[in-house]
Amino acid sequence: MTDVFGGLAGVLGLAAVGGVAAKALKQPAIIGYLAAGLLISASGWRGYGNNEQIIRLLGTMGVTLLLFLAGMELPLSELRRMGKVSLITGICQIIITSLVGWGISRILGFGPAESVLSLHGKIAMGYLLVQDFVAIGLLVVLAGTNGGQATPIDIVLIAVKAAAMTAGAVWLSEKVLKQAVDYLGESTETLFISSIGWCLAVAAIAASPWVGFSVEIGGFLAGLSLAATVEHAQIISRIRPLRDFFLTWFFVSMGAGVTLSQIGRMWLPSLIMSVYVIAGNPLIVMAILGALGYRKRTMFMASLAVGQISEFSLILAVGAVAAKQAGSEILIILTTVAMITMTTSAYVITHAEKIYKSFGSKIADLFEKKQSSNITSEAEQSMPENHAVLFGHNRMGSIIRPALERLGFEVIVVDFNPAVIEKLKQQNINAVFGDMADHELFQSLNLEKAKLVVSTVPDATDEAQFLEELSGSRKKSLPRRQTVILTARDTEGAKTLYRVGADYVLVPHLVGGEYLAGILEKHISDADFITREGKRHRGMIGA
């Protein structure tokens, strides 16, 4: 027993050191965990070998909890809310990446069975949703295959069983679990323990011989069944640290399964695939977004996020090897590619603005449509003057815009949510897709001649750059005929924005506090007034 605890403590200690080192280098913690595993592998430490089965079991628990939370965070209704742009971009990027990756794999000498894994990226919430659902679907197929031999009948049976279990999870969610979780939610500890128990129970059922899936897929279905409950956010916040703890073991064990000599033998295919992910994936995404009509800065910044493979790629690789759909070489290559691309991506995203200004804009310019675009509006063809430009419409902006219109302003709304833009266009409101970080948008908005500029987006960095760009110099103040009102999350952000020339900075919690204090001072003895204000507020939020 002492050897077991000593071995586990040693592994966890190395993982902690790796995680701290990764954080110091501004890298994802996963890099540190994989590096810790490689160090264990290189040293041949017996403390790991004697406890390998336990560590692998802990890692499996981590992946199961990862998919459990993914199920709660990815209700099926979210796909419809993300819009067609996210769906088209996600699916097209997966297809193109898979086909090109398959071609590269064949050139490198890998057989078809070793080429079925796609390289996943991250480009925005909608894109993540599409890719995560596809990845989970692939995990279902991999878990349902038998020793690598899957006939068409097997695929049909897998689909039928997956549909039946998903339908069962949805039915339980609506008919049983909502009420049960409401009852259990009265005690935080009971809710936490019950959620873990439900996850393990469904995982055990999914992995049983008569179902034939994996415990990980069972974890996802358990999470999906709890996605519609009121308490799902509380469950997620409680389980997330536990998930991260168990996932540490998964990534350490994955790193420990690779030797430096194996990496040396596979350095060329690993390097080629890394270059493909770092350079090829962003180019594919830029081409897709360009075809959909997005501007070059939006295309470039979104594409940077796909210059790495994700955790799901590693999980898929392990699943493919376990299902005998891929050889162990895939694990070696993907582990190496993960470390290279995650390291590179972290620095690229950090310095995205500099990269864009130096050469990124020229690359993105190759994919930008010069004429018609499905995300432009009449505001971009006209050159208004003495108008108001409103950045952000979904929350405060939807209250501010009508007030500006009542004051006689011609208002142009800028928002980065395609659904918001589409809704505004249907109401014949001038609306442009983009954000204030997209400086190429300024000319079409004729910002220099706008009388009022309002931003409800609390991003002090983007707002400060916006002010500096608009003024033409850090040392110059804005023309006094032009009023600029911005929003900050806190007082420090507000101070920064005032220093660079903002006329007024809205700090929501301060303004909200002042407003409530004013109501209390004037109407504390008038209960009817406060009740009327409450009714008015309920009407505004649709309560």
Protein backbone atom coordinates (compact mmCIF):
# COMPACT_ATOMS: atom_id res chain seq x y z
CA MET A 1 0.00 0.00 0.00
CA THR A 2 2.89 2.35 0.82
CA ASP A 3 4.38 1.74 -2.64
CA VAL A 4 1.04 2.59 -4.27
CA PHE A 5 0.66 5.88 -2.42
CA GLY A 6 4.31 6.74 -2.90
CA GLY A 7 4.13 6.04 -6.63
CA LEU A 8 0.95 8.06 -7.11
CA ALA A 9 2.36 10.93 -5.05
CA GLY A 10 5.50 10.96 -7.18
CA VAL A 11 3.54 11.01 -10.44
CA LEU A 12 1.26 13.77 -9.19
CA GLY A 13 4.25 15.77 -7.95
CA LEU A 14 5.92 15.60 -11.36
CA ALA A 15 2.65 16.60 -13.02
CA ALA A 16 2.37 19.59 -10.67
CA VAL A 17 5.92 20.69 -11.50
CA GLY A 18 5.16 20.33 -15.21
CA GLY A 19 1.95 22.33 -14.84
CA VAL A 20 3.71 25.14 -12.95
CA ALA A 21 6.50 25.24 -15.56
CA ALA A 22 3.95 25.39 -18.37
CA LYS A 23 2.12 28.25 -16.65
CA ALA A 24 5.39 30.15 -16.18
CA LEU A 25 6.04 29.79 -19.92
CA LYS A 26 2.44 30.86 -20.66
CA GLN A 27 1.60 27.44 -22.06
CA PRO A 28 -1.44 25.17 -21.50
CA ALA A 29 -1.11 22.90 -18.48
CA ILE A 30 -1.55 19.89 -20.80
CA ILE A 31 1.95 20.55 -22.19
CA GLY A 32 3.37 20.22 -18.68
CA TYR A 33 1.49 16.99 -18.01
CA LEU A 34 2.60 15.41 -21.28
CA ALA A 35 6.18 16.50 -20.57
CA ALA A 36 5.97 14.94 -17.10
CA GLY A 37 4.85 11.69 -18.71
CA LEU A 38 7.75 11.82 -21.19
CA LEU A 39 10.16 12.36 -18.30
CA ILE A 40 8.73 9.33 -16.51
CA SER A 41 9.07 7.28 -19.70
CA ALA A 42 12.67 8.39 -20.27
CA SER A 43 13.68 7.62 -16.68
CA GLY A 44 12.01 4.20 -16.61
CA TRP A 45 10.80 4.95 -13.09
CA ARG A 46 9.39 1.83 -11.45
CA GLY A 47 7.03 3.86 -9.29
CA TYR A 48 4.96 4.53 -12.40
CA GLY A 49 5.20 1.04 -13.86
CA ASN A 50 3.99 -0.59 -10.65
CA ASN A 51 0.90 1.64 -10.63
CA GLU A 52 0.26 1.96 -14.37
CA GLN A 53 -3.13 0.24 -14.27
CA ILE A 54 -4.34 2.47 -11.45
CA ILE A 55 -3.13 5.58 -13.27
CA ARG A 56 -4.85 4.52 -16.50
CA LEU A 57 -8.07 3.94 -14.55
CA LEU A 58 -7.82 7.43 -13.04
CA GLY A 59 -7.25 8.81 -16.54
CA THR A 60 -10.33 7.02 -17.86
CA MET A 61 -12.31 8.59 -15.04
CA GLY A 62 -11.04 11.99 -16.16
CA VAL A 63 -12.16 11.50 -19.75
CA THR A 64 -15.53 10.22 -18.54
CA LEU A 65 -16.02 13.34 -16.41
CA LEU A 66 -14.85 15.51 -19.32
CA LEU A 67 -17.58 14.09 -21.53
CA PHE A 68 -20.06 14.23 -18.64
CA LEU A 69 -19.56 17.99 -18.40
CA ALA A 70 -19.49 18.28 -22.21
CA GLY A 71 -22.94 16.70 -22.28
CA MET A 72 -24.24 19.24 -19.77
CA GLU A 73 -22.64 22.15 -21.62
CA LEU A 74 -23.74 21.02 -25.10
CA PRO A 75 -27.52 20.67 -25.14
CA LEU A 76 -28.79 19.84 -28.62
CA SER A 77 -30.74 23.11 -28.81
CA GLU A 78 -27.45 25.06 -28.79
CA LEU A 79 -26.64 23.97 -32.34
CA ARG A 80 -29.71 25.78 -33.64
CA ARG A 81 -28.78 28.92 -31.73
CA MET A 82 -25.27 29.07 -33.17
CA GLY A 83 -26.51 29.79 -36.70
CA LYS A 84 -25.61 28.47 -40.11
CA VAL A 85 -22.22 30.21 -40.26
CA SER A 86 -20.83 28.18 -37.35
CA LEU A 87 -22.37 25.01 -38.73
CA ILE A 88 -21.02 25.53 -42.25
CA THR A 89 -17.56 26.55 -41.02
CA GLY A 90 -17.29 23.66 -38.57
CA ILE A 91 -18.42 20.97 -40.99
CA CYS A 92 -16.42 22.29 -43.97
CA GLN A 93 -13.25 22.62 -41.93
CA ILE A 94 -13.61 19.09 -40.57
CA ILE A 95 -14.18 17.64 -44.05
CA ILE A 96 -11.35 19.54 -45.75
CA THR A 97 -8.91 18.97 -42.89
CA SER A 98 -9.74 15.26 -42.80
CA LEU A 99 -9.32 14.83 -46.56
CA VAL A 100 -6.01 16.71 -46.73
CA GLY A 101 -4.79 14.99 -43.55
CA TRP A 102 -5.75 11.63 -45.03
CA GLY A 103 -3.73 12.44 -48.15
CA ILE A 104 -0.68 13.45 -46.11
CA SER A 105 -0.97 10.27 -44.04
CA ARG A 106 -1.08 8.10 -47.16
CA ILE A 107 1.97 9.89 -48.58
CA LEU A 108 3.78 9.24 -45.29
CA GLY A 109 2.96 5.56 -45.63
CA PHE A 110 0.13 5.05 -43.14
CA GLY A 111 -2.74 2.78 -44.11
CA PRO A 112 -6.40 3.88 -44.31
CA ALA A 113 -7.20 2.64 -40.80
CA GLU A 114 -4.52 4.93 -39.40
CA SER A 115 -5.83 8.00 -41.20
CA VAL A 116 -9.39 8.25 -39.87
CA LEU A 117 -8.66 10.76 -37.08
CA SER A 118 -9.39 14.37 -37.81
CA LEU A 119 -7.44 17.23 -36.27
CA HIS A 120 -9.73 19.38 -34.21
CA GLY A 121 -9.41 23.09 -33.64
CA LYS A 122 -11.17 25.87 -31.88
CA ILE A 123 -12.69 28.84 -33.68
CA ALA A 124 -15.56 30.26 -31.59
CA MET A 125 -18.36 28.73 -29.59
CA GLY A 126 -20.46 27.60 -32.51
CA TYR A 127 -17.48 26.00 -34.19
CA LEU A 128 -16.62 24.21 -30.94
CA LEU A 129 -20.14 22.88 -30.65
CA VAL A 130 -20.08 21.43 -34.16
CA GLN A 131 -16.66 19.85 -33.68
CA ASP A 132 -17.46 18.46 -30.25
CA PHE A 133 -20.61 16.79 -31.49
CA VAL A 134 -18.69 15.30 -34.43
CA ALA A 135 -15.90 14.12 -32.12
CA ILE A 136 -18.38 12.51 -29.74
CA GLY A 137 -20.06 10.83 -32.71
CA LEU A 138 -16.68 9.41 -33.77
CA LEU A 139 -16.10 8.14 -30.23
CA VAL A 140 -19.45 6.35 -30.41
CA VAL A 141 -18.45 4.66 -33.68
CA LEU A 142 -15.00 3.73 -32.36
CA ALA A 143 -16.45 2.29 -29.15
CA GLY A 144 -19.00 0.25 -31.09
CA THR A 145 -16.60 -1.39 -33.54
CA ASN A 146 -15.42 -4.90 -32.90
CA GLY A 147 -11.68 -5.38 -33.12
CA GLY A 148 -11.40 -3.07 -36.07
CA GLN A 149 -13.87 -5.06 -38.20
CA ALA A 150 -17.05 -3.05 -38.68
CA THR A 151 -19.54 -4.20 -41.31
CA PRO A 152 -22.36 -1.97 -42.62
CA ILE A 153 -24.73 -3.88 -40.34
CA ASP A 154 -22.49 -3.08 -37.36
CA ILE A 155 -22.58 0.63 -38.24
CA VAL A 156 -26.38 0.56 -38.48
CA LEU A 157 -26.62 -1.19 -35.09
CA ILE A 158 -24.27 1.37 -33.56
CA ALA A 159 -26.43 4.21 -34.91
CA VAL A 160 -29.64 2.57 -33.64
CA LYS A 161 -28.20 1.97 -30.17
CA ALA A 162 -26.79 5.50 -30.00
CA ALA A 163 -30.13 7.00 -31.04
CA ALA A 164 -32.00 4.82 -28.53
CA MET A 165 -29.72 5.80 -25.65
CA THR A 166 -29.86 9.48 -26.59
CA ALA A 167 -33.66 9.35 -26.77
CA GLY A 168 -33.71 7.59 -23.41
CA ALA A 169 -31.49 10.27 -21.89
CA VAL A 170 -33.75 13.04 -23.22
CA TRP A 171 -36.88 11.25 -21.97
CA LEU A 172 -35.38 10.76 -18.50
CA SER A 173 -34.34 14.40 -18.45
CA GLU A 174 -37.88 15.61 -19.14
CA LYS A 175 -39.90 13.07 -17.14
CA VAL A 176 -37.76 12.12 -14.16
CA LEU A 177 -34.45 13.90 -13.67
CA LYS A 178 -35.68 17.51 -13.56
CA GLN A 179 -37.87 16.79 -10.55
CA ALA A 180 -35.29 14.51 -8.92
CA VAL A 181 -32.48 17.04 -9.30
CA ASP A 182 -34.72 19.83 -7.96
CA TYR A 183 -35.23 17.74 -4.82
CA LEU A 184 -31.55 16.81 -4.50
CA GLY A 185 -30.52 20.42 -5.12
CA GLU A 186 -31.64 21.37 -1.62
CA SER A 187 -28.32 19.95 -0.42
CA THR A 188 -25.14 20.83 -2.33
CA GLU A 189 -23.29 17.74 -1.07
CA THR A 190 -26.15 15.42 -1.99
CA LEU A 191 -26.42 16.96 -5.44
CA PHE A 192 -22.68 16.53 -6.02
CA ILE A 193 -22.56 12.89 -4.89
CA SER A 194 -25.75 12.01 -6.76
CA SER A 195 -24.45 13.56 -9.99
CA ILE A 196 -21.22 11.56 -9.80
CA GLY A 197 -23.22 8.42 -9.04
CA TRP A 198 -25.53 9.04 -12.02
CA CYS A 199 -22.52 9.57 -14.29
CA LEU A 200 -20.89 6.30 -13.19
CA ALA A 201 -24.17 4.37 -13.42
CA VAL A 202 -24.89 5.44 -16.99
CA ALA A 203 -21.23 4.86 -17.89
CA ALA A 204 -21.47 1.30 -16.55
CA ILE A 205 -24.66 0.66 -18.55
CA ALA A 206 -23.10 2.05 -21.74
CA ALA A 207 -20.03 -0.17 -21.32
CA SER A 208 -22.06 -3.31 -20.57
CA PRO A 209 -21.88 -6.21 -23.09
CA TRP A 210 -25.48 -5.74 -24.32
CA VAL A 211 -24.87 -2.07 -25.18
CA GLY A 212 -21.24 -2.28 -26.26
CA PHE A 213 -20.17 1.36 -25.99
CA SER A 214 -17.54 2.84 -23.69
CA VAL A 215 -17.74 4.37 -20.23
CA GLU A 216 -16.77 7.72 -21.77
CA ILE A 217 -19.84 7.72 -24.03
CA GLY A 218 -21.95 6.80 -21.02
CA GLY A 219 -20.56 9.83 -19.23
CA PHE A 220 -21.60 12.07 -22.13
CA LEU A 221 -25.15 10.66 -22.16
CA ALA A 222 -25.40 11.13 -18.39
CA GLY A 223 -24.40 14.77 -18.81
CA LEU A 224 -26.81 15.27 -21.71
CA SER A 225 -29.66 14.02 -19.54
CA LEU A 226 -28.86 16.70 -16.93
CA ALA A 227 -28.32 19.57 -19.41
CA ALA A 228 -31.89 20.87 -19.12
CA THR A 229 -31.98 20.92 -15.31
CA VAL A 230 -31.93 24.22 -13.45
CA GLU A 231 -29.01 23.02 -11.31
CA HIS A 232 -26.75 22.00 -14.21
CA ALA A 233 -24.51 25.08 -13.82
CA GLN A 234 -24.01 24.31 -10.13
CA ILE A 235 -23.15 20.68 -10.94
CA ILE A 236 -20.62 21.79 -13.57
CA SER A 237 -18.89 24.21 -11.19
CA ARG A 238 -18.59 21.49 -8.52
CA ILE A 239 -17.33 18.73 -10.81
CA ARG A 240 -14.95 20.77 -13.00
CA PRO A 241 -12.03 20.72 -10.48
CA LEU A 242 -12.51 16.96 -10.04
CA ARG A 243 -12.46 16.53 -13.82
CA ASP A 244 -9.23 18.50 -14.11
CA PHE A 245 -7.63 16.37 -11.39
CA PHE A 246 -8.46 13.09 -13.12
CA LEU A 247 -7.57 14.43 -16.59
CA THR A 248 -4.08 15.11 -15.26
CA TRP A 249 -3.58 11.35 -14.93
CA PHE A 250 -4.82 10.80 -18.48
CA PHE A 251 -2.31 13.19 -20.05
CA VAL A 252 0.55 11.99 -17.86
CA SER A 253 -0.18 8.38 -18.82
CA MET A 254 -0.35 9.38 -22.48
CA GLY A 255 3.05 11.05 -22.26
CA ALA A 256 4.46 8.08 -20.38
CA GLY A 257 3.32 5.79 -23.19
CA VAL A 258 5.75 7.46 -25.58
CA THR A 259 9.53 7.13 -25.54
CA LEU A 260 12.07 9.63 -26.81
CA SER A 261 13.40 7.03 -29.25
CA GLN A 262 9.90 6.61 -30.72
CA ILE A 263 9.59 10.37 -31.13
CA GLY A 264 12.98 10.35 -32.85
CA ARG A 265 11.82 7.71 -35.32
CA MET A 266 8.58 9.61 -36.01
CA TRP A 267 10.02 13.12 -36.12
CA LEU A 268 9.46 13.67 -39.84
CA PRO A 269 5.73 12.75 -40.02
CA SER A 270 5.18 14.59 -36.73
CA LEU A 271 6.85 17.70 -38.13
CA ILE A 272 4.90 17.53 -41.40
CA MET A 273 1.58 17.10 -39.59
CA SER A 274 2.47 19.94 -37.20
CA VAL A 275 3.18 22.30 -40.10
CA TYR A 276 -0.10 21.24 -41.68
CA VAL A 277 -2.04 22.00 -38.49
CA ILE A 278 -0.25 25.29 -37.76
CA ALA A 279 -0.38 26.66 -41.32
CA GLY A 280 -2.91 24.56 -43.22
CA ASN A 281 -5.81 24.68 -40.78
CA PRO A 282 -5.85 28.50 -40.54
CA LEU A 283 -5.70 28.79 -44.33
CA ILE A 284 -8.67 26.41 -44.66
CA VAL A 285 -10.71 28.41 -42.13
CA MET A 286 -9.81 31.71 -43.81
CA ALA A 287 -10.91 30.31 -47.16
CA ILE A 288 -14.26 29.16 -45.71
CA LEU A 289 -14.94 32.42 -43.86
CA GLY A 290 -13.87 34.41 -46.91
CA ALA A 291 -16.36 32.50 -49.05
CA LEU A 292 -19.02 33.34 -46.45
CA GLY A 293 -18.23 37.05 -46.81
CA TYR A 294 -16.25 37.91 -43.68
CA ARG A 295 -13.61 40.64 -43.60
CA LYS A 296 -9.96 39.75 -43.58
CA ARG A 297 -9.24 40.69 -39.97
CA THR A 298 -12.15 38.64 -38.68
CA MET A 299 -11.01 35.73 -40.88
CA PHE A 300 -7.42 35.92 -39.71
CA MET A 301 -8.12 36.22 -35.98
CA ALA A 302 -10.66 33.39 -36.05
CA SER A 303 -8.29 31.15 -38.02
CA LEU A 304 -5.46 31.43 -35.47
CA ALA A 305 -7.48 29.42 -32.98
CA VAL A 306 -7.36 26.30 -35.19
CA GLY A 307 -3.57 26.19 -35.36
CA GLN A 308 -3.41 23.41 -32.80
CA ILE A 309 -4.98 20.05 -32.11
CA SER A 310 -7.38 19.82 -29.19
CA GLU A 311 -7.74 17.49 -26.23
CA PHE A 312 -10.43 15.64 -28.17
CA SER A 313 -7.85 14.71 -30.81
CA LEU A 314 -5.81 12.91 -28.16
CA ILE A 315 -8.90 11.25 -26.70
CA LEU A 316 -9.96 10.14 -30.18
CA ALA A 317 -6.49 8.74 -30.80
CA VAL A 318 -6.62 6.66 -27.62
CA GLY A 319 -10.11 5.45 -28.56
CA ALA A 320 -9.00 4.56 -32.09
CA VAL A 321 -6.04 2.54 -30.84
CA ALA A 322 -8.22 0.77 -28.26
CA ALA A 323 -10.74 -0.09 -31.00
CA LYS A 324 -7.87 -1.31 -33.26
CA GLN A 325 -8.76 1.33 -35.83
CA ALA A 326 -5.25 2.82 -35.65
CA GLY A 327 -1.77 1.71 -34.74
CA SER A 328 0.27 2.90 -31.78
CA GLU A 329 2.23 5.17 -34.15
CA ILE A 330 -0.78 7.49 -34.21
CA LEU A 331 -0.44 8.08 -30.45
CA ILE A 332 3.25 8.89 -30.84
CA ILE A 333 2.63 11.31 -33.70
CA LEU A 334 -0.38 13.04 -32.12
CA THR A 335 1.36 13.41 -28.75
CA THR A 336 4.29 15.09 -30.50
CA VAL A 337 2.01 17.20 -32.70
CA ALA A 338 0.00 18.27 -29.64
CA MET A 339 3.11 19.50 -27.83
CA ILE A 340 4.40 21.36 -30.91
CA THR A 341 1.11 22.94 -32.00
CA MET A 342 -0.16 23.85 -28.52
CA THR A 343 3.16 25.52 -27.71
CA THR A 344 3.22 27.43 -30.99
CA SER A 345 -0.46 28.36 -30.86
CA ALA A 346 -0.16 29.89 -27.39
CA TYR A 347 2.48 32.35 -28.59
CA VAL A 348 0.75 33.04 -31.91
CA ILE A 349 -2.55 33.94 -30.21
CA THR A 350 -0.73 36.12 -27.66
CA HIS A 351 0.94 38.13 -30.43
CA ALA A 352 -1.96 37.92 -32.90
CA GLU A 353 -2.22 41.68 -33.41
CA LYS A 354 1.47 42.06 -34.25
CA ILE A 355 1.37 39.09 -36.62
CA TYR A 356 -1.67 40.49 -38.38
CA LYS A 357 -0.08 43.90 -38.89
CA SER A 358 3.24 42.47 -40.10
CA PHE A 359 2.05 39.90 -42.65
CA GLY A 360 -1.28 38.38 -41.61
CA SER A 361 -3.39 41.00 -43.35
CA LYS A 362 -1.66 40.26 -46.66
CA ILE A 363 -2.42 36.54 -46.32
CA ALA A 364 -6.05 37.16 -45.33
CA ASP A 365 -6.42 39.60 -48.20
CA LEU A 366 -6.11 36.65 -50.60
CA PHE A 367 -9.38 35.20 -49.28
CA GLU A 368 -11.46 38.34 -48.70
CA LYS A 369 -14.37 39.04 -51.00
CA LYS A 370 -14.03 42.49 -52.49
CA GLN A 371 -17.62 43.00 -53.59
CA SER A 372 -20.88 41.62 -52.24
CA SER A 373 -20.97 40.20 -48.73
CA ASN A 374 -23.68 38.57 -46.70
CA ILE A 375 -22.60 40.39 -43.57
CA THR A 376 -22.64 43.95 -44.85
CA SER A 377 -25.47 46.40 -44.91
CA GLU A 378 -26.59 49.63 -46.50
CA ALA A 379 -24.58 51.44 -43.87
CA GLU A 380 -21.42 50.35 -45.64
CA GLN A 381 -22.45 51.78 -49.01
CA SER A 382 -23.42 55.22 -47.65
CA MET A 383 -21.27 57.77 -45.84
CA PRO A 384 -23.41 59.32 -43.08
CA GLU A 385 -22.36 62.35 -41.05
CA ASN A 386 -23.20 63.56 -37.53
CA HIS A 387 -24.52 60.07 -36.84
CA ALA A 388 -24.16 57.71 -33.89
CA VAL A 389 -22.19 54.46 -33.98
CA LEU A 390 -23.17 51.84 -31.41
CA PHE A 391 -20.83 48.91 -30.74
CA GLY A 392 -22.67 45.97 -29.16
CA HIS A 393 -26.43 45.57 -29.26
CA ASN A 394 -27.39 42.39 -27.46
CA ARG A 395 -27.66 43.74 -23.90
CA MET A 396 -27.33 47.41 -23.02
CA GLY A 397 -27.19 48.36 -26.67
CA SER A 398 -30.77 47.27 -27.29
CA ILE A 399 -31.86 49.81 -24.65
CA ILE A 400 -29.55 52.60 -25.82
CA ARG A 401 -30.35 52.42 -29.56
CA PRO A 402 -34.05 53.40 -29.30
CA ALA A 403 -33.08 56.34 -27.08
CA LEU A 404 -30.58 57.55 -29.66
CA GLU A 405 -33.19 57.24 -32.40
CA ARG A 406 -35.66 59.27 -30.34
CA LEU A 407 -32.98 61.96 -30.05
CA GLY A 408 -32.84 62.15 -33.84
CA PHE A 409 -29.59 60.29 -34.46
CA GLU A 410 -29.06 58.07 -37.47
CA VAL A 411 -27.68 54.98 -35.72
CA ILE A 412 -25.33 52.36 -37.14
CA VAL A 413 -25.06 49.24 -34.99
CA VAL A 414 -21.89 47.12 -35.02
CA ASP A 415 -22.08 43.65 -33.48
CA PHE A 416 -20.12 40.40 -33.86
CA ASN A 417 -23.16 38.15 -33.39
CA PRO A 418 -24.58 37.15 -36.81
CA ALA A 419 -27.98 36.40 -35.26
CA VAL A 420 -28.21 39.94 -33.84
CA ILE A 421 -27.24 41.47 -37.19
CA GLU A 422 -29.82 39.38 -39.04
CA LYS A 423 -32.56 40.38 -36.60
CA LEU A 424 -31.69 44.08 -36.90
CA LYS A 425 -31.71 43.91 -40.70
CA GLN A 426 -35.19 42.42 -40.59
CA GLN A 427 -36.22 45.54 -38.63
CA ASN A 428 -34.61 47.80 -41.30
CA ILE A 429 -31.95 48.97 -38.86
CA ASN A 430 -28.49 49.80 -40.19
CA ALA A 431 -26.27 47.02 -38.85
CA VAL A 432 -22.76 45.86 -39.68
CA PHE A 433 -21.07 42.63 -38.67
CA GLY A 434 -17.74 43.23 -36.92
CA ASP A 435 -16.25 44.75 -33.78
CA MET A 436 -14.20 47.76 -32.80
CA ALA A 437 -10.98 45.76 -33.11
CA ASP A 438 -11.65 45.56 -36.86
CA HIS A 439 -10.01 48.85 -37.83
CA GLU A 440 -10.66 48.24 -41.52
CA LEU A 441 -14.34 48.77 -40.72
CA PHE A 442 -13.83 52.37 -39.62
CA GLN A 443 -13.92 53.92 -43.07
CA SER A 444 -17.25 52.37 -44.01
CA LEU A 445 -18.71 53.63 -40.71
CA ASN A 446 -17.29 57.12 -41.38
CA LEU A 447 -16.27 57.25 -37.73
CA GLU A 448 -14.31 60.48 -38.06
CA LYS A 449 -17.55 62.34 -38.84
CA ALA A 450 -19.73 60.55 -36.29
CA LYS A 451 -21.11 62.87 -33.62
CA LEU A 452 -21.46 60.12 -31.01
CA VAL A 453 -19.69 56.79 -30.51
CA VAL A 454 -20.98 54.40 -27.85
CA SER A 455 -19.50 51.02 -26.90
CA THR A 456 -21.29 48.60 -24.59
CA VAL A 457 -18.52 45.99 -24.95
CA PRO A 458 -16.45 45.95 -21.72
CA ASP A 459 -13.09 45.20 -23.33
CA ALA A 460 -10.69 47.92 -22.23
CA THR A 461 -7.86 46.67 -24.45
CA ASP A 462 -9.87 46.81 -27.68
CA GLU A 463 -11.48 50.10 -26.66
CA ALA A 464 -8.12 51.72 -25.91
CA GLN A 465 -6.74 50.61 -29.28
CA PHE A 466 -9.91 51.89 -30.90
CA LEU A 467 -9.47 55.34 -29.35
CA GLU A 468 -5.81 55.50 -30.34
CA GLU A 469 -6.61 54.47 -33.90
CA LEU A 470 -9.41 57.01 -34.14
CA SER A 471 -7.34 59.88 -32.79
CA GLY A 472 -4.43 59.02 -35.08
CA SER A 473 -1.87 59.28 -32.31
CA ARG A 474 -1.50 58.27 -28.66
CA LYS A 475 -0.66 61.89 -27.82
CA LYS A 476 -3.64 63.49 -29.52
CA SER A 477 -7.05 63.78 -27.92
CA LEU A 478 -10.27 63.17 -29.80
CA PRO A 479 -12.01 66.10 -31.52
CA ARG A 480 -14.27 67.76 -28.96
CA ARG A 481 -17.21 67.80 -31.40
CA GLN A 482 -17.26 64.03 -31.10
CA THR A 483 -18.48 62.36 -27.92
CA VAL A 484 -17.13 58.90 -27.07
CA ILE A 485 -18.81 56.79 -24.38
CA LEU A 486 -17.22 53.43 -23.53
CA THR A 487 -17.78 50.59 -21.05
CA ALA A 488 -15.33 48.97 -18.62
CA ARG A 489 -15.61 45.98 -16.31
CA ASP A 490 -13.89 47.72 -13.39
CA THR A 491 -12.41 51.01 -12.27
CA GLU A 492 -8.90 50.12 -13.48
CA GLY A 493 -10.21 49.64 -17.00
CA ALA A 494 -12.12 52.92 -16.72
CA LYS A 495 -8.96 54.79 -15.67
CA THR A 496 -7.13 53.42 -18.71
CA LEU A 497 -9.88 54.55 -21.06
CA TYR A 498 -10.07 58.02 -19.54
CA ARG A 499 -6.31 58.38 -19.98
CA VAL A 500 -6.55 57.69 -23.72
CA GLY A 501 -9.38 60.16 -24.31
CA ALA A 502 -12.81 58.72 -23.47
CA ASP A 503 -15.44 61.32 -22.55
CA TYR A 504 -17.37 58.98 -20.26
CA VAL A 505 -16.77 55.38 -19.18
CA LEU A 506 -19.67 53.30 -17.99
CA VAL A 507 -18.78 50.88 -15.18
CA PRO A 508 -22.00 48.81 -14.83
CA HIS A 509 -21.76 47.96 -11.13
CA LEU A 510 -20.97 51.57 -10.18
CA VAL A 511 -23.77 53.04 -12.30
CA GLY A 512 -26.15 50.36 -11.06
CA GLY A 513 -25.22 51.14 -7.48
CA GLU A 514 -25.71 54.88 -8.02
CA TYR A 515 -29.10 54.27 -9.66
CA LEU A 516 -30.32 52.08 -6.80
CA ALA A 517 -28.99 54.53 -4.22
CA GLY A 518 -30.95 57.32 -5.94
CA ILE A 519 -34.16 55.27 -5.86
CA LEU A 520 -33.71 54.50 -2.17
CA GLU A 521 -32.98 58.12 -1.25
CA LYS A 522 -36.01 59.47 -3.11
CA HIS A 523 -38.58 56.70 -2.79
CA ILE A 524 -37.70 54.46 0.18
CA SER A 525 -40.96 55.41 1.87
CA ASP A 526 -42.98 54.94 -1.34
CA ALA A 527 -43.48 51.17 -1.58
CA ASP A 528 -45.81 51.59 -4.55
CA PHE A 529 -43.10 53.29 -6.60
CA ILE A 530 -40.61 50.47 -5.98
CA THR A 531 -43.30 47.93 -6.89
CA ARG A 532 -44.03 49.81 -10.13
CA GLU A 533 -40.32 49.93 -10.95
CA GLY A 534 -40.12 46.20 -10.31
CA LYS A 535 -43.00 45.56 -12.72
CA ARG A 536 -41.40 47.78 -15.35
CA HIS A 537 -38.12 45.95 -14.95
CA ARG A 538 -39.80 42.55 -15.23
CA GLY A 539 -41.37 43.71 -18.47
CA MET A 540 -37.98 44.79 -19.84
CA ILE A 541 -36.35 41.41 -19.17
CA GLY A 542 -39.41 39.35 -20.07
CA ALA A 543 -39.81 37.85 -16.61
